Amino acid sequence: MPRIILIGSFAALLAASGTQSANALERAHQSDWQQARVACADVGIDPASASFNQCVFDLYYSLWDEQNEPER
């Protein structure tokens, strides 16, 4: 019986840890998008324009590619 309780507790701990990590990644992802929006607005692109959306998209993914490039 103690073994079942121990296994159940360990599984719950792993599930909670995974949820926290996923939440942290989602917050970081949203923050990166927000920073791209601010940068595009700072250079004077109208936030209501299609150019603004393209700027945000291009900037976000350019930075993502740079940050996730494997070591050479």
PDB file of N, CA and C in Angstrom:
ATOM      1  N   MET A   1       0.811  -1.197   0.000  1.00  0.00           N
ATOM      2  CA  MET A   1       0.000   0.000   0.000  1.00  0.00           C
ATOM      3  C   MET A   1       0.860   1.270   0.000  1.00  0.00           C
ATOM      4  N   PRO A   2       1.917   1.372   0.828  1.00  0.00           N
ATOM      5  CA  PRO A   2       2.745   2.575   0.793  1.00  0.00           C
ATOM      6  C   PRO A   2       3.377   2.814  -0.586  1.00  0.00           C
ATOM      7  N   ARG A   3       3.688   1.718  -1.287  1.00  0.00           N
ATOM      8  CA  ARG A   3       4.288   1.868  -2.608  1.00  0.00           C
ATOM      9  C   ARG A   3       3.308   2.570  -3.563  1.00  0.00           C
ATOM     10  N   ILE A   4       2.041   2.234  -3.501  1.00  0.00           N
ATOM     11  CA  ILE A   4       1.028   2.852  -4.364  1.00  0.00           C
ATOM     12  C   ILE A   4       0.913   4.338  -4.040  1.00  0.00           C
ATOM     13  N   ILE A   5       0.930   4.682  -2.775  1.00  0.00           N
ATOM     14  CA  ILE A   5       0.851   6.085  -2.364  1.00  0.00           C
ATOM     15  C   ILE A   5       2.079   6.839  -2.859  1.00  0.00           C
ATOM     16  N   LEU A   6       3.243   6.250  -2.724  1.00  0.00           N
ATOM     17  CA  LEU A   6       4.482   6.878  -3.175  1.00  0.00           C
ATOM     18  C   LEU A   6       4.464   7.110  -4.688  1.00  0.00           C
ATOM     19  N   ILE A   7       4.038   6.124  -5.449  1.00  0.00           N
ATOM     20  CA  ILE A   7       3.975   6.252  -6.903  1.00  0.00           C
ATOM     21  C   ILE A   7       2.958   7.323  -7.299  1.00  0.00           C
ATOM     22  N   GLY A   8       1.811   7.327  -6.637  1.00  0.00           N
ATOM     23  CA  GLY A   8       0.791   8.338  -6.926  1.00  0.00           C
ATOM     24  C   GLY A   8       1.287   9.738  -6.608  1.00  0.00           C
ATOM     25  N   SER A   9       1.994   9.888  -5.502  1.00  0.00           N
ATOM     26  CA  SER A   9       2.536  11.196  -5.130  1.00  0.00           C
ATOM     27  C   SER A   9       3.586  11.662  -6.129  1.00  0.00           C
ATOM     28  N   PHE A  10       4.423  10.747  -6.564  1.00  0.00           N
ATOM     29  CA  PHE A  10       5.455  11.086  -7.537  1.00  0.00           C
ATOM     30  C   PHE A  10       4.839  11.506  -8.868  1.00  0.00           C
ATOM     31  N   ALA A  11       3.796  10.791  -9.295  1.00  0.00           N
ATOM     32  CA  ALA A  11       3.116  11.142 -10.545  1.00  0.00           C
ATOM     33  C   ALA A  11       2.477  12.524 -10.444  1.00  0.00           C
ATOM     34  N   ALA A  12       1.876  12.830  -9.300  1.00  0.00           N
ATOM     35  CA  ALA A  12       1.254  14.142  -9.104  1.00  0.00           C
ATOM     36  C   ALA A  12       2.316  15.241  -9.120  1.00  0.00           C
ATOM     37  N   LEU A  13       3.454  14.980  -8.517  1.00  0.00           N
ATOM     38  CA  LEU A  13       4.540  15.946  -8.500  1.00  0.00           C
ATOM     39  C   LEU A  13       5.056  16.218  -9.916  1.00  0.00           C
ATOM     40  N   LEU A  14       5.223  15.179 -10.704  1.00  0.00           N
ATOM     41  CA  LEU A  14       5.666  15.351 -12.092  1.00  0.00           C
ATOM     42  C   LEU A  14       4.640  16.130 -12.919  1.00  0.00           C
ATOM     43  N   ALA A  15       3.375  15.840 -12.721  1.00  0.00           N
ATOM     44  CA  ALA A  15       2.323  16.540 -13.467  1.00  0.00           C
ATOM     45  C   ALA A  15       2.312  18.022 -13.103  1.00  0.00           C
ATOM     46  N   ALA A  16       2.444  18.343 -11.823  1.00  0.00           N
ATOM     47  CA  ALA A  16       2.451  19.740 -11.389  1.00  0.00           C
ATOM     48  C   ALA A  16       3.664  20.468 -11.946  1.00  0.00           C
ATOM     49  N   SER A  17       4.792  19.819 -11.968  1.00  0.00           N
ATOM     50  CA  SER A  17       6.010  20.427 -12.492  1.00  0.00           C
ATOM     51  C   SER A  17       5.876  20.713 -13.976  1.00  0.00           C
ATOM     52  N   GLY A  18       5.311  19.790 -14.725  1.00  0.00           N
ATOM     53  CA  GLY A  18       5.116  19.983 -16.152  1.00  0.00           C
ATOM     54  C   GLY A  18       4.170  21.129 -16.450  1.00  0.00           C
ATOM     55  N   THR A  19       3.138  21.278 -15.651  1.00  0.00           N
ATOM     56  CA  THR A  19       2.171  22.360 -15.840  1.00  0.00           C
ATOM     57  C   THR A  19       2.829  23.708 -15.584  1.00  0.00           C
ATOM     58  N   GLN A  20       3.640  23.807 -14.548  1.00  0.00           N
ATOM     59  CA  GLN A  20       4.324  25.058 -14.244  1.00  0.00           C
ATOM     60  C   GLN A  20       5.292  25.430 -15.370  1.00  0.00           C
ATOM     61  N   SER A  21       5.996  24.449 -15.903  1.00  0.00           N
ATOM     62  CA  SER A  21       6.927  24.716 -16.995  1.00  0.00           C
ATOM     63  C   SER A  21       6.184  25.186 -18.235  1.00  0.00           C
ATOM     64  N   ALA A  22       5.060  24.569 -18.527  1.00  0.00           N
ATOM     65  CA  ALA A  22       4.270  24.971 -19.693  1.00  0.00           C
ATOM     66  C   ALA A  22       3.745  26.387 -19.517  1.00  0.00           C
ATOM     67  N   ASN A  23       3.305  26.726 -18.305  1.00  0.00           N
ATOM     68  CA  ASN A  23       2.820  28.080 -18.043  1.00  0.00           C
ATOM     69  C   ASN A  23       3.946  29.103 -18.199  1.00  0.00           C
ATOM     70  N   ALA A  24       5.121  28.781 -17.727  1.00  0.00           N
ATOM     71  CA  ALA A  24       6.263  29.691 -17.839  1.00  0.00           C
ATOM     72  C   ALA A  24       6.636  29.901 -19.311  1.00  0.00           C
ATOM     73  N   LEU A  25       6.601  28.833 -20.098  1.00  0.00           N
ATOM     74  CA  LEU A  25       6.904  28.960 -21.522  1.00  0.00           C
ATOM     75  C   LEU A  25       5.857  29.810 -22.237  1.00  0.00           C
ATOM     76  N   GLU A  26       4.596  29.632 -21.873  1.00  0.00           N
ATOM     77  CA  GLU A  26       3.536  30.423 -22.494  1.00  0.00           C
ATOM     78  C   GLU A  26       3.685  31.900 -22.156  1.00  0.00           C
ATOM     79  N   ARG A  27       4.024  32.215 -20.902  1.00  0.00           N
ATOM     80  CA  ARG A  27       4.234  33.617 -20.513  1.00  0.00           C
ATOM     81  C   ARG A  27       5.424  34.209 -21.256  1.00  0.00           C
ATOM     82  N   ALA A  28       6.489  33.454 -21.411  1.00  0.00           N
ATOM     83  CA  ALA A  28       7.668  33.935 -22.135  1.00  0.00           C
ATOM     84  C   ALA A  28       7.321  34.162 -23.605  1.00  0.00           C
ATOM     85  N   HIS A  29       6.554  33.254 -24.178  1.00  0.00           N
ATOM     86  CA  HIS A  29       6.133  33.377 -25.570  1.00  0.00           C
ATOM     87  C   HIS A  29       5.305  34.644 -25.770  1.00  0.00           C
ATOM     88  N   GLN A  30       4.357  34.897 -24.879  1.00  0.00           N
ATOM     89  CA  GLN A  30       3.532  36.096 -24.969  1.00  0.00           C
ATOM     90  C   GLN A  30       4.377  37.353 -24.790  1.00  0.00           C
ATOM     91  N   SER A  31       5.327  37.303 -23.887  1.00  0.00           N
ATOM     92  CA  SER A  31       6.210  38.447 -23.652  1.00  0.00           C
ATOM     93  C   SER A  31       7.036  38.754 -24.897  1.00  0.00           C
ATOM     94  N   ASP A  32       7.528  37.737 -25.582  1.00  0.00           N
ATOM     95  CA  ASP A  32       8.309  37.939 -26.805  1.00  0.00           C
ATOM     96  C   ASP A  32       7.463  38.590 -27.890  1.00  0.00           C
ATOM     97  N   TRP A  33       6.220  38.152 -28.040  1.00  0.00           N
ATOM     98  CA  TRP A  33       5.329  38.765 -29.016  1.00  0.00           C
ATOM     99  C   TRP A  33       5.075  40.222 -28.659  1.00  0.00           C
ATOM    100  N   GLN A  34       4.872  40.494 -27.369  1.00  0.00           N
ATOM    101  CA  GLN A  34       4.620  41.866 -26.924  1.00  0.00           C
ATOM    102  C   GLN A  34       5.830  42.754 -27.199  1.00  0.00           C
ATOM    103  N   GLN A  35       7.024  42.246 -26.966  1.00  0.00           N
ATOM    104  CA  GLN A  35       8.231  43.023 -27.240  1.00  0.00           C
ATOM    105  C   GLN A  35       8.364  43.321 -28.728  1.00  0.00           C
ATOM    106  N   ALA A  36       7.998  42.372 -29.580  1.00  0.00           N
ATOM    107  CA  ALA A  36       8.040  42.601 -31.022  1.00  0.00           C
ATOM    108  C   ALA A  36       7.028  43.682 -31.413  1.00  0.00           C
ATOM    109  N   ARG A  37       5.848  43.651 -30.803  1.00  0.00           N
ATOM    110  CA  ARG A  37       4.839  44.681 -31.086  1.00  0.00           C
ATOM    111  C   ARG A  37       5.350  46.070 -30.695  1.00  0.00           C
ATOM    112  N   VAL A  38       5.945  46.155 -29.511  1.00  0.00           N
ATOM    113  CA  VAL A  38       6.458  47.441 -29.028  1.00  0.00           C
ATOM    114  C   VAL A  38       7.569  47.947 -29.947  1.00  0.00           C
ATOM    115  N   ALA A  39       8.454  47.059 -30.363  1.00  0.00           N
ATOM    116  CA  ALA A  39       9.559  47.474 -31.240  1.00  0.00           C
ATOM    117  C   ALA A  39       9.033  47.999 -32.572  1.00  0.00           C
ATOM    118  N   CYS A  40       8.058  47.341 -33.148  1.00  0.00           N
ATOM    119  CA  CYS A  40       7.503  47.796 -34.425  1.00  0.00           C
ATOM    120  C   CYS A  40       6.774  49.129 -34.257  1.00  0.00           C
ATOM    121  N   ALA A  41       6.095  49.305 -33.149  1.00  0.00           N
ATOM    122  CA  ALA A  41       5.426  50.583 -32.887  1.00  0.00           C
ATOM    123  C   ALA A  41       6.455  51.683 -32.649  1.00  0.00           C
ATOM    124  N   ASP A  42       7.551  51.355 -31.991  1.00  0.00           N
ATOM    125  CA  ASP A  42       8.595  52.347 -31.703  1.00  0.00           C
ATOM    126  C   ASP A  42       9.230  52.919 -32.965  1.00  0.00           C
ATOM    127  N   VAL A  43       9.286  52.131 -34.027  1.00  0.00           N
ATOM    128  CA  VAL A  43       9.876  52.652 -35.266  1.00  0.00           C
ATOM    129  C   VAL A  43       8.850  53.401 -36.109  1.00  0.00           C
ATOM    130  N   GLY A  44       7.619  53.517 -35.605  1.00  0.00           N
ATOM    131  CA  GLY A  44       6.614  54.359 -36.240  1.00  0.00           C
ATOM    132  C   GLY A  44       5.643  53.666 -37.169  1.00  0.00           C
ATOM    133  N   ILE A  45       5.590  52.351 -37.151  1.00  0.00           N
ATOM    134  CA  ILE A  45       4.637  51.643 -38.010  1.00  0.00           C
ATOM    135  C   ILE A  45       3.265  51.687 -37.332  1.00  0.00           C
ATOM    136  N   ASP A  46       2.244  52.031 -38.107  1.00  0.00           N
ATOM    137  CA  ASP A  46       0.881  52.145 -37.602  1.00  0.00           C
ATOM    138  C   ASP A  46       0.361  50.774 -37.157  1.00  0.00           C
ATOM    139  N   PRO A  47       0.001  50.628 -35.871  1.00  0.00           N
ATOM    140  CA  PRO A  47      -0.477  49.334 -35.373  1.00  0.00           C
ATOM    141  C   PRO A  47      -1.731  48.803 -36.072  1.00  0.00           C
ATOM    142  N   ALA A  48      -2.457  49.648 -36.776  1.00  0.00           N
ATOM    143  CA  ALA A  48      -3.660  49.198 -37.471  1.00  0.00           C
ATOM    144  C   ALA A  48      -3.367  48.710 -38.891  1.00  0.00           C
ATOM    145  N   SER A  49      -2.122  48.767 -39.301  1.00  0.00           N
ATOM    146  CA  SER A  49      -1.786  48.416 -40.683  1.00  0.00           C
ATOM    147  C   SER A  49      -1.319  46.971 -40.826  1.00  0.00           C
ATOM    148  N   ALA A  50      -1.411  46.477 -42.041  1.00  0.00           N
ATOM    149  CA  ALA A  50      -0.900  45.135 -42.341  1.00  0.00           C
ATOM    150  C   ALA A  50       0.620  45.108 -42.218  1.00  0.00           C
ATOM    151  N   SER A  51       1.257  46.242 -42.486  1.00  0.00           N
ATOM    152  CA  SER A  51       2.720  46.324 -42.352  1.00  0.00           C
ATOM    153  C   SER A  51       3.154  46.083 -40.909  1.00  0.00           C
ATOM    154  N   PHE A  52       2.348  46.549 -39.986  1.00  0.00           N
ATOM    155  CA  PHE A  52       2.663  46.344 -38.567  1.00  0.00           C
ATOM    156  C   PHE A  52       2.636  44.862 -38.230  1.00  0.00           C
ATOM    157  N   ASN A  53       1.588  44.178 -38.668  1.00  0.00           N
ATOM    158  CA  ASN A  53       1.489  42.741 -38.392  1.00  0.00           C
ATOM    159  C   ASN A  53       2.642  41.977 -39.022  1.00  0.00           C
ATOM    160  N   GLN A  54       3.026  42.380 -40.234  1.00  0.00           N
ATOM    161  CA  GLN A  54       4.155  41.716 -40.899  1.00  0.00           C
ATOM    162  C   GLN A  54       5.453  42.000 -40.162  1.00  0.00           C
ATOM    163  N   CYS A  55       5.623  43.226 -39.671  1.00  0.00           N
ATOM    164  CA  CYS A  55       6.810  43.589 -38.903  1.00  0.00           C
ATOM    165  C   CYS A  55       6.917  42.731 -37.641  1.00  0.00           C
ATOM    166  N   VAL A  56       5.812  42.613 -36.920  1.00  0.00           N
ATOM    167  CA  VAL A  56       5.800  41.823 -35.679  1.00  0.00           C
ATOM    168  C   VAL A  56       6.153  40.373 -35.985  1.00  0.00           C
ATOM    169  N   PHE A  57       5.522  39.806 -36.986  1.00  0.00           N
ATOM    170  CA  PHE A  57       5.765  38.416 -37.366  1.00  0.00           C
ATOM    171  C   PHE A  57       7.231  38.204 -37.743  1.00  0.00           C
ATOM    172  N   ASP A  58       7.736  39.059 -38.623  1.00  0.00           N
ATOM    173  CA  ASP A  58       9.126  38.919 -39.087  1.00  0.00           C
ATOM    174  C   ASP A  58      10.123  39.093 -37.942  1.00  0.00           C
ATOM    175  N   LEU A  59       9.901  40.082 -37.101  1.00  0.00           N
ATOM    176  CA  LEU A  59      10.813  40.331 -35.988  1.00  0.00           C
ATOM    177  C   LEU A  59      10.802  39.177 -34.998  1.00  0.00           C
ATOM    178  N   TYR A  60       9.612  38.732 -34.628  1.00  0.00           N
ATOM    179  CA  TYR A  60       9.510  37.634 -33.658  1.00  0.00           C
ATOM    180  C   TYR A  60      10.256  36.396 -34.160  1.00  0.00           C
ATOM    181  N   TYR A  61       9.976  36.005 -35.407  1.00  0.00           N
ATOM    182  CA  TYR A  61      10.592  34.771 -35.905  1.00  0.00           C
ATOM    183  C   TYR A  61      12.070  34.935 -36.239  1.00  0.00           C
ATOM    184  N   SER A  62      12.504  36.117 -36.583  1.00  0.00           N
ATOM    185  CA  SER A  62      13.941  36.348 -36.787  1.00  0.00           C
ATOM    186  C   SER A  62      14.687  36.181 -35.463  1.00  0.00           C
ATOM    187  N   LEU A  63      14.131  36.755 -34.412  1.00  0.00           N
ATOM    188  CA  LEU A  63      14.759  36.603 -33.098  1.00  0.00           C
ATOM    189  C   LEU A  63      14.689  35.164 -32.611  1.00  0.00           C
ATOM    190  N   TRP A  64      13.568  34.501 -32.861  1.00  0.00           N
ATOM    191  CA  TRP A  64      13.419  33.102 -32.457  1.00  0.00           C
ATOM    192  C   TRP A  64      14.465  32.244 -33.154  1.00  0.00           C
ATOM    193  N   ASP A  65      14.631  32.456 -34.463  1.00  0.00           N
ATOM    194  CA  ASP A  65      15.649  31.688 -35.207  1.00  0.00           C
ATOM    195  C   ASP A  65      17.042  31.924 -34.637  1.00  0.00           C
ATOM    196  N   GLU A  66      17.335  33.171 -34.303  1.00  0.00           N
ATOM    197  CA  GLU A  66      18.649  33.506 -33.763  1.00  0.00           C
ATOM    198  C   GLU A  66      18.876  32.854 -32.403  1.00  0.00           C
ATOM    199  N   GLN A  67      17.868  32.875 -31.564  1.00  0.00           N
ATOM    200  CA  GLN A  67      17.998  32.321 -30.209  1.00  0.00           C
ATOM    201  C   GLN A  67      18.024  30.803 -30.217  1.00  0.00           C
ATOM    202  N   ASN A  68      17.442  30.179 -31.238  1.00  0.00           N
ATOM    203  CA  ASN A  68      17.353  28.722 -31.276  1.00  0.00           C
ATOM    204  C   ASN A  68      18.289  28.091 -32.299  1.00  0.00           C
ATOM    205  N   GLU A  69      19.243  28.874 -32.779  1.00  0.00           N
ATOM    206  CA  GLU A  69      20.224  28.336 -33.706  1.00  0.00           C
ATOM    207  C   GLU A  69      21.208  27.457 -32.927  1.00  0.00           C
ATOM    208  N   PRO A  70      21.452  26.258 -33.415  1.00  0.00           N
ATOM    209  CA  PRO A  70      22.396  25.391 -32.687  1.00  0.00           C
ATOM    210  C   PRO A  70      23.809  25.969 -32.724  1.00  0.00           C
ATOM    211  N   GLU A  71      24.568  25.624 -31.710  1.00  0.00           N
ATOM    212  CA  GLU A  71      25.962  26.058 -31.630  1.00  0.00           C
ATOM    213  C   GLU A  71      26.734  25.542 -32.835  1.00  0.00           C
ATOM    214  N   ARG A  72      27.621  26.359 -33.343  1.00  0.00           N
ATOM    215  CA  ARG A  72      28.404  25.929 -34.501  1.00  0.00           C
ATOM    216  C   ARG A  72      29.693  25.290 -34.086  1.00  0.00           C
TER     217      ARG A  72
END
